[in-house]
Amino acid sequence: MEVLREEEVLQLEEDLLRRLEEKLTPLVERAAGDAAKIAMHQLRLDLMNHISRHEDTIRRLKRTESALNHIPTTR
């Protein structure tokens, strides 16, 4: 069995870490990008839902205002 010197072990560890980093960095970057896209999509859906509720409220208020304008006033 070959005995490795401390320097050789350290060099092998550095090489291994470098290769792992080269392989993992693109995967982590892609995962972060995907997570950001999902978050932005959910935010858009939430905003659209929020705006839609306000539009419904505005339509109801306009109908109510229109109905109130048709009520005859008595003196």
N, C-alpha and C. Protein backbone atom coordinates (compact mmCIF):
# COMPACT_ATOMS: atom_id res chain seq x y z
N MET A 1 0.84 -1.18 0.00
CA MET A 1 0.00 0.00 0.00
C MET A 1 0.89 1.24 0.00
N GLU A 2 0.51 2.15 -0.85
CA GLU A 2 1.31 3.36 -0.99
C GLU A 2 0.93 4.36 0.09
N VAL A 3 1.91 4.96 0.66
CA VAL A 3 1.68 5.97 1.69
C VAL A 3 1.83 7.33 1.03
N LEU A 4 0.79 8.14 1.17
CA LEU A 4 0.82 9.47 0.57
C LEU A 4 1.33 10.48 1.59
N ARG A 5 2.10 11.36 1.09
CA ARG A 5 2.57 12.44 1.96
C ARG A 5 1.44 13.45 2.17
N GLU A 6 1.57 14.22 3.22
CA GLU A 6 0.55 15.20 3.55
C GLU A 6 0.32 16.17 2.40
N GLU A 7 1.38 16.59 1.74
CA GLU A 7 1.25 17.52 0.60
C GLU A 7 0.46 16.89 -0.54
N GLU A 8 0.71 15.61 -0.79
CA GLU A 8 -0.02 14.92 -1.85
C GLU A 8 -1.50 14.80 -1.51
N VAL A 9 -1.78 14.50 -0.26
CA VAL A 9 -3.18 14.40 0.18
C VAL A 9 -3.87 15.75 0.03
N LEU A 10 -3.20 16.81 0.46
CA LEU A 10 -3.77 18.14 0.33
C LEU A 10 -4.02 18.50 -1.14
N GLN A 11 -3.09 18.14 -2.00
CA GLN A 11 -3.25 18.43 -3.43
C GLN A 11 -4.43 17.66 -4.02
N LEU A 12 -4.55 16.39 -3.63
CA LEU A 12 -5.69 15.59 -4.10
C LEU A 12 -7.02 16.17 -3.61
N GLU A 13 -7.05 16.60 -2.36
CA GLU A 13 -8.27 17.21 -1.81
C GLU A 13 -8.61 18.49 -2.56
N GLU A 14 -7.62 19.32 -2.84
CA GLU A 14 -7.86 20.56 -3.58
C GLU A 14 -8.39 20.27 -4.98
N ASP A 15 -7.79 19.28 -5.64
CA ASP A 15 -8.26 18.91 -6.98
C ASP A 15 -9.70 18.41 -6.94
N LEU A 16 -9.99 17.58 -5.96
CA LEU A 16 -11.34 17.05 -5.82
C LEU A 16 -12.34 18.18 -5.56
N LEU A 17 -12.00 19.09 -4.66
CA LEU A 17 -12.88 20.22 -4.37
C LEU A 17 -13.09 21.10 -5.59
N ARG A 18 -12.04 21.33 -6.34
CA ARG A 18 -12.14 22.16 -7.55
C ARG A 18 -13.08 21.51 -8.57
N ARG A 19 -12.93 20.19 -8.76
CA ARG A 19 -13.80 19.49 -9.72
C ARG A 19 -15.25 19.52 -9.26
N LEU A 20 -15.45 19.31 -7.96
CA LEU A 20 -16.82 19.37 -7.43
C LEU A 20 -17.43 20.75 -7.63
N GLU A 21 -16.64 21.77 -7.35
CA GLU A 21 -17.12 23.14 -7.52
C GLU A 21 -17.47 23.41 -8.99
N GLU A 22 -16.63 22.94 -9.91
CA GLU A 22 -16.90 23.15 -11.34
C GLU A 22 -18.19 22.47 -11.76
N LYS A 23 -18.49 21.32 -11.18
CA LYS A 23 -19.72 20.60 -11.55
C LYS A 23 -20.94 21.16 -10.84
N LEU A 24 -20.77 21.55 -9.57
CA LEU A 24 -21.93 21.98 -8.79
C LEU A 24 -22.34 23.43 -9.04
N THR A 25 -21.38 24.29 -9.35
CA THR A 25 -21.71 25.71 -9.53
C THR A 25 -22.79 25.93 -10.59
N PRO A 26 -22.67 25.33 -11.79
CA PRO A 26 -23.74 25.54 -12.78
C PRO A 26 -25.09 24.99 -12.31
N LEU A 27 -25.05 23.87 -11.58
CA LEU A 27 -26.31 23.30 -11.08
C LEU A 27 -26.97 24.23 -10.06
N VAL A 28 -26.18 24.79 -9.17
CA VAL A 28 -26.72 25.70 -8.16
C VAL A 28 -27.24 26.98 -8.83
N GLU A 29 -26.49 27.49 -9.81
CA GLU A 29 -26.94 28.69 -10.52
C GLU A 29 -28.25 28.44 -11.25
N ARG A 30 -28.36 27.28 -11.88
CA ARG A 30 -29.60 26.94 -12.60
C ARG A 30 -30.76 26.81 -11.61
N ALA A 31 -30.51 26.15 -10.48
CA ALA A 31 -31.56 25.98 -9.47
C ALA A 31 -32.01 27.34 -8.93
N ALA A 32 -31.06 28.24 -8.70
CA ALA A 32 -31.41 29.57 -8.20
C ALA A 32 -32.23 30.33 -9.24
N GLY A 33 -31.85 30.21 -10.50
CA GLY A 33 -32.60 30.87 -11.57
C GLY A 33 -34.01 30.32 -11.67
N ASP A 34 -34.14 28.99 -11.58
CA ASP A 34 -35.46 28.37 -11.62
C ASP A 34 -36.32 28.83 -10.44
N ALA A 35 -35.73 28.89 -9.26
CA ALA A 35 -36.48 29.32 -8.08
C ALA A 35 -36.93 30.77 -8.23
N ALA A 36 -36.07 31.61 -8.80
CA ALA A 36 -36.44 33.02 -9.01
C ALA A 36 -37.59 33.13 -10.02
N LYS A 37 -37.54 32.33 -11.08
CA LYS A 37 -38.62 32.35 -12.07
C LYS A 37 -39.94 31.92 -11.45
N ILE A 38 -39.90 30.89 -10.62
CA ILE A 38 -41.12 30.41 -9.96
C ILE A 38 -41.67 31.49 -9.03
N ALA A 39 -40.79 32.12 -8.27
CA ALA A 39 -41.23 33.17 -7.34
C ALA A 39 -41.84 34.35 -8.10
N MET A 40 -41.22 34.75 -9.20
CA MET A 40 -41.75 35.87 -9.99
C MET A 40 -43.10 35.50 -10.62
N HIS A 41 -43.23 34.27 -11.08
CA HIS A 41 -44.49 33.83 -11.66
C HIS A 41 -45.60 33.87 -10.59
N GLN A 42 -45.30 33.38 -9.40
CA GLN A 42 -46.29 33.40 -8.32
C GLN A 42 -46.65 34.83 -7.94
N LEU A 43 -45.66 35.71 -7.92
CA LEU A 43 -45.92 37.12 -7.61
C LEU A 43 -46.84 37.74 -8.67
N ARG A 44 -46.58 37.44 -9.95
CA ARG A 44 -47.46 37.95 -11.02
C ARG A 44 -48.88 37.45 -10.84
N LEU A 45 -49.03 36.16 -10.52
CA LEU A 45 -50.37 35.61 -10.31
C LEU A 45 -51.07 36.29 -9.13
N ASP A 46 -50.33 36.50 -8.04
CA ASP A 46 -50.90 37.17 -6.87
C ASP A 46 -51.33 38.60 -7.20
N LEU A 47 -50.49 39.32 -7.94
CA LEU A 47 -50.82 40.70 -8.31
C LEU A 47 -52.04 40.74 -9.23
N MET A 48 -52.09 39.82 -10.19
CA MET A 48 -53.24 39.78 -11.10
C MET A 48 -54.53 39.49 -10.32
N ASN A 49 -54.45 38.58 -9.36
CA ASN A 49 -55.61 38.27 -8.53
C ASN A 49 -56.03 39.48 -7.70
N HIS A 50 -55.06 40.17 -7.15
CA HIS A 50 -55.34 41.36 -6.35
C HIS A 50 -56.00 42.45 -7.21
N ILE A 51 -55.44 42.69 -8.39
CA ILE A 51 -56.01 43.69 -9.30
C ILE A 51 -57.42 43.29 -9.72
N SER A 52 -57.62 42.02 -9.99
CA SER A 52 -58.93 41.53 -10.40
C SER A 52 -59.97 41.80 -9.31
N ARG A 53 -59.59 41.58 -8.06
CA ARG A 53 -60.54 41.86 -6.96
C ARG A 53 -60.89 43.34 -6.91
N HIS A 54 -59.90 44.20 -7.13
CA HIS A 54 -60.18 45.64 -7.13
C HIS A 54 -61.08 46.01 -8.31
N GLU A 55 -60.84 45.39 -9.47
CA GLU A 55 -61.69 45.67 -10.63
C GLU A 55 -63.12 45.24 -10.35
N ASP A 56 -63.31 44.10 -9.71
CA ASP A 56 -64.66 43.65 -9.34
C ASP A 56 -65.32 44.65 -8.39
N THR A 57 -64.57 45.13 -7.43
CA THR A 57 -65.11 46.12 -6.48
C THR A 57 -65.49 47.40 -7.20
N ILE A 58 -64.66 47.86 -8.11
CA ILE A 58 -64.95 49.08 -8.88
C ILE A 58 -66.22 48.89 -9.71
N ARG A 59 -66.36 47.73 -10.36
CA ARG A 59 -67.58 47.46 -11.15
C ARG A 59 -68.82 47.48 -10.26
N ARG A 60 -68.73 46.86 -9.09
CA ARG A 60 -69.88 46.84 -8.16
C ARG A 60 -70.24 48.26 -7.72
N LEU A 61 -69.22 49.05 -7.40
CA LEU A 61 -69.47 50.43 -6.98
C LEU A 61 -70.11 51.24 -8.09
N LYS A 62 -69.68 51.04 -9.33
CA LYS A 62 -70.27 51.77 -10.45
C LYS A 62 -71.73 51.37 -10.64
N ARG A 63 -72.02 50.07 -10.50
CA ARG A 63 -73.41 49.63 -10.63
C ARG A 63 -74.26 50.22 -9.50
N THR A 64 -73.71 50.25 -8.30
CA THR A 64 -74.43 50.82 -7.16
C THR A 64 -74.67 52.31 -7.39
N GLU A 65 -73.65 53.00 -7.86
CA GLU A 65 -73.79 54.44 -8.13
C GLU A 65 -74.84 54.68 -9.21
N SER A 66 -74.80 53.84 -10.25
CA SER A 66 -75.78 53.98 -11.33
C SER A 66 -77.19 53.74 -10.79
N ALA A 67 -77.34 52.73 -9.95
CA ALA A 67 -78.66 52.44 -9.38
C ALA A 67 -79.12 53.58 -8.48
N LEU A 68 -78.20 54.15 -7.72
CA LEU A 68 -78.57 55.27 -6.85
C LEU A 68 -79.01 56.47 -7.66
N ASN A 69 -78.42 56.67 -8.82
CA ASN A 69 -78.79 57.80 -9.67
C ASN A 69 -80.18 57.64 -10.26
N HIS A 70 -80.70 56.42 -10.27
CA HIS A 70 -82.04 56.18 -10.82
C HIS A 70 -83.14 56.23 -9.76
N ILE A 71 -82.75 56.39 -8.53
CA ILE A 71 -83.76 56.49 -7.46
C ILE A 71 -84.29 57.92 -7.46
N PRO A 72 -85.61 58.03 -7.60
CA PRO A 72 -86.18 59.39 -7.61
C PRO A 72 -86.05 60.04 -6.24
N THR A 73 -85.77 61.29 -6.28
CA THR A 73 -85.67 62.04 -5.02
C THR A 73 -87.03 62.65 -4.72
N THR A 74 -87.42 62.55 -3.49
CA THR A 74 -88.71 63.14 -3.08
C THR A 74 -88.44 64.35 -2.21
N ARG A 75 -89.30 65.34 -2.39
CA ARG A 75 -89.15 66.57 -1.60
C ARG A 75 -90.31 66.77 -0.72
